[in-house]
Amino acid sequence: MTESLAPDEWEFWHAWTQAQRLLARELDRGLQRDSGISKAEFSVLMTLHRAPGHELRVSELGASLDWEKSRVSHQLTRMEHRGFVARTESGTGGRRTRVGLTAEGDRAARAAVAGHAGNIRRYFLDTLTPEQATAIRAWSEQLAGHLEP
């Protein structure tokens, strides 16, 4: 069966995807400009910052971010060079299976949060009425529940 969208549905889809793309671009630019970190670095820093003891198994980090193993590995290597994270051996075989936030990484995470929160407010939250925010939140939670395995 072939399904199609009506012209107004295509226009709605285009408007929504364009808004998402532009919002993501501005938030990414803000992180880079204000904190000198990428969106990927921010994601890792915040995930570790929220973790108990500011550390996780590398596989847990990857699962939390929904990233492939190779992406996690390359990102952690870059972040180790910047002094943001440290991988440690855990278990047998000497494999570096845990990753923790360093003092520098914790500082970077804390510094990035305020600027990023301000940009989220400026570019997203402040543009919505309370009714729009309520509707978008409800729809987002519904969609996430529908798409999560």
Protein backbone atom coordinates (compact mmCIF):
# COMPACT_ATOMS: atom_id res chain seq x y z
CA MET A 1 0.00 0.00 0.00
CA THR A 2 1.35 3.41 -0.95
CA GLU A 3 0.68 6.30 1.39
CA SER A 4 1.10 9.91 0.56
CA LEU A 5 0.85 13.14 2.45
CA ALA A 6 -1.38 16.04 1.57
CA PRO A 7 0.40 19.27 0.54
CA ASP A 8 -0.34 20.92 3.90
CA GLU A 9 1.08 17.86 5.70
CA TRP A 10 4.29 18.12 3.63
CA GLU A 11 4.48 21.84 4.48
CA PHE A 12 4.00 21.07 8.17
CA TRP A 13 6.71 18.37 8.02
CA HIS A 14 9.10 20.73 6.24
CA ALA A 15 8.47 23.52 8.78
CA TRP A 16 9.06 21.17 11.71
CA THR A 17 12.27 19.64 10.32
CA GLN A 18 13.62 23.07 9.35
CA ALA A 19 12.89 24.44 12.84
CA GLN A 20 14.66 21.44 14.41
CA ARG A 21 17.69 21.84 12.16
CA LEU A 22 17.98 25.59 12.80
CA LEU A 23 17.53 25.19 16.56
CA ALA A 24 20.17 22.45 16.71
CA ARG A 25 22.55 24.62 14.65
CA GLU A 26 22.16 27.61 16.97
CA LEU A 27 22.55 25.51 20.12
CA ASP A 28 25.66 23.81 18.68
CA ARG A 29 27.16 27.17 17.70
CA GLY A 30 26.45 28.51 21.17
CA LEU A 31 28.23 25.62 22.87
CA GLN A 32 31.26 26.07 20.65
CA ARG A 33 31.30 29.87 21.00
CA ASP A 34 30.55 30.11 24.70
CA SER A 35 32.30 27.01 26.05
CA GLY A 36 34.67 25.81 23.36
CA ILE A 37 33.11 22.36 23.30
CA SER A 38 31.11 20.42 20.75
CA LYS A 39 27.61 19.01 21.16
CA ALA A 40 29.13 15.52 21.36
CA GLU A 41 31.54 16.60 24.11
CA PHE A 42 28.70 18.25 26.01
CA SER A 43 26.64 15.06 25.76
CA VAL A 44 29.47 12.95 27.18
CA LEU A 45 30.30 15.48 29.90
CA MET A 46 26.69 15.76 31.05
CA THR A 47 26.10 12.00 30.98
CA LEU A 48 29.16 11.42 33.17
CA HIS A 49 28.34 14.40 35.38
CA ARG A 50 24.93 12.86 36.20
CA ALA A 51 26.34 9.35 36.75
CA PRO A 52 27.05 8.06 40.26
CA GLY A 53 30.65 8.90 41.08
CA HIS A 54 30.90 10.72 37.72
CA GLU A 55 31.88 7.49 35.98
CA LEU A 56 30.36 4.70 33.91
CA ARG A 57 31.38 1.62 32.03
CA VAL A 58 32.22 2.63 28.45
CA SER A 59 29.42 0.36 27.21
CA GLU A 60 26.93 2.09 29.55
CA LEU A 61 27.99 5.48 28.23
CA GLY A 62 27.50 4.31 24.65
CA ALA A 63 24.08 2.86 25.44
CA SER A 64 23.03 6.04 27.24
CA LEU A 65 24.02 8.18 24.25
CA ASP A 66 22.75 5.62 21.70
CA TRP A 67 26.15 5.71 19.96
CA GLU A 68 28.08 2.97 18.20
CA LYS A 69 31.11 1.54 20.00
CA SER A 70 33.57 3.10 17.53
CA ARG A 71 32.02 6.57 17.90
CA VAL A 72 32.28 6.34 21.69
CA SER A 73 35.90 5.21 21.45
CA HIS A 74 36.94 8.01 19.08
CA GLN A 75 35.09 10.65 21.11
CA LEU A 76 36.67 9.48 24.37
CA THR A 77 40.14 9.55 22.80
CA ARG A 78 39.63 13.19 21.76
CA MET A 79 38.27 14.07 25.19
CA GLU A 80 41.16 12.33 26.96
CA HIS A 81 43.57 14.50 24.98
CA ARG A 82 41.68 17.58 26.20
CA GLY A 83 41.86 16.32 29.80
CA PHE A 84 38.08 16.00 30.18
CA VAL A 85 37.86 12.25 30.84
CA ALA A 86 40.05 9.37 31.96
CA ARG A 87 39.54 5.74 31.02
CA THR A 88 40.54 3.15 33.57
CA GLU A 89 41.07 -0.59 33.60
CA SER A 90 38.35 -2.67 35.13
CA GLY A 91 38.15 -6.41 35.50
CA THR A 92 40.49 -8.89 33.89
CA GLY A 93 42.51 -8.46 30.74
CA GLY A 94 43.64 -4.89 31.36
CA ARG A 95 40.94 -3.41 29.15
CA ARG A 96 40.00 0.19 29.76
CA THR A 97 36.34 -0.42 30.33
CA ARG A 98 35.40 2.49 32.61
CA VAL A 99 35.42 6.20 31.92
CA GLY A 100 35.27 8.98 34.47
CA LEU A 101 35.02 12.72 34.48
CA THR A 102 38.25 14.49 35.44
CA ALA A 103 38.36 17.72 37.46
CA GLU A 104 38.87 19.58 34.17
CA GLY A 105 35.90 17.76 32.64
CA ASP A 106 33.73 18.61 35.64
CA ARG A 107 34.77 22.27 35.33
CA ALA A 108 33.99 22.26 31.61
CA ALA A 109 30.58 20.67 32.21
CA ARG A 110 29.64 23.19 34.90
CA ALA A 111 30.81 26.12 32.78
CA ALA A 112 28.88 24.94 29.73
CA VAL A 113 25.58 24.38 31.54
CA ALA A 114 24.80 28.03 32.25
CA GLY A 115 25.46 29.25 28.74
CA HIS A 116 23.69 26.32 27.14
CA ALA A 117 20.67 26.74 29.43
CA GLY A 118 20.51 30.41 28.46
CA ASN A 119 20.56 29.52 24.78
CA ILE A 120 17.85 26.87 25.25
CA ARG A 121 15.74 29.51 26.98
CA ARG A 122 16.44 32.19 24.36
CA TYR A 123 16.01 30.09 21.22
CA PHE A 124 13.33 27.65 22.38
CA LEU A 125 11.50 28.18 25.67
CA ASP A 126 10.99 31.95 25.36
CA THR A 127 9.44 31.51 21.91
CA LEU A 128 6.58 29.36 23.26
CA THR A 129 3.38 30.23 25.04
CA PRO A 130 2.67 28.10 28.13
CA GLU A 131 0.01 26.27 26.13
CA GLN A 132 2.43 25.51 23.30
CA ALA A 133 5.06 24.28 25.76
CA THR A 134 2.51 21.98 27.42
CA ALA A 135 1.37 20.60 24.05
CA ILE A 136 4.91 20.08 22.73
CA ARG A 137 5.98 18.35 25.94
CA ALA A 138 2.96 16.02 25.89
CA TRP A 139 3.49 15.22 22.22
CA SER A 140 7.25 14.68 22.72
CA GLU A 141 6.65 12.27 25.60
CA GLN A 142 3.99 10.45 23.57
CA LEU A 143 6.25 10.15 20.52
CA ALA A 144 9.23 8.98 22.57
CA GLY A 145 7.06 6.34 24.20
CA HIS A 146 5.84 5.20 20.80
CA LEU A 147 9.35 5.00 19.28
CA GLU A 148 11.35 3.60 22.21
CA PRO A 149 11.90 -0.15 21.92
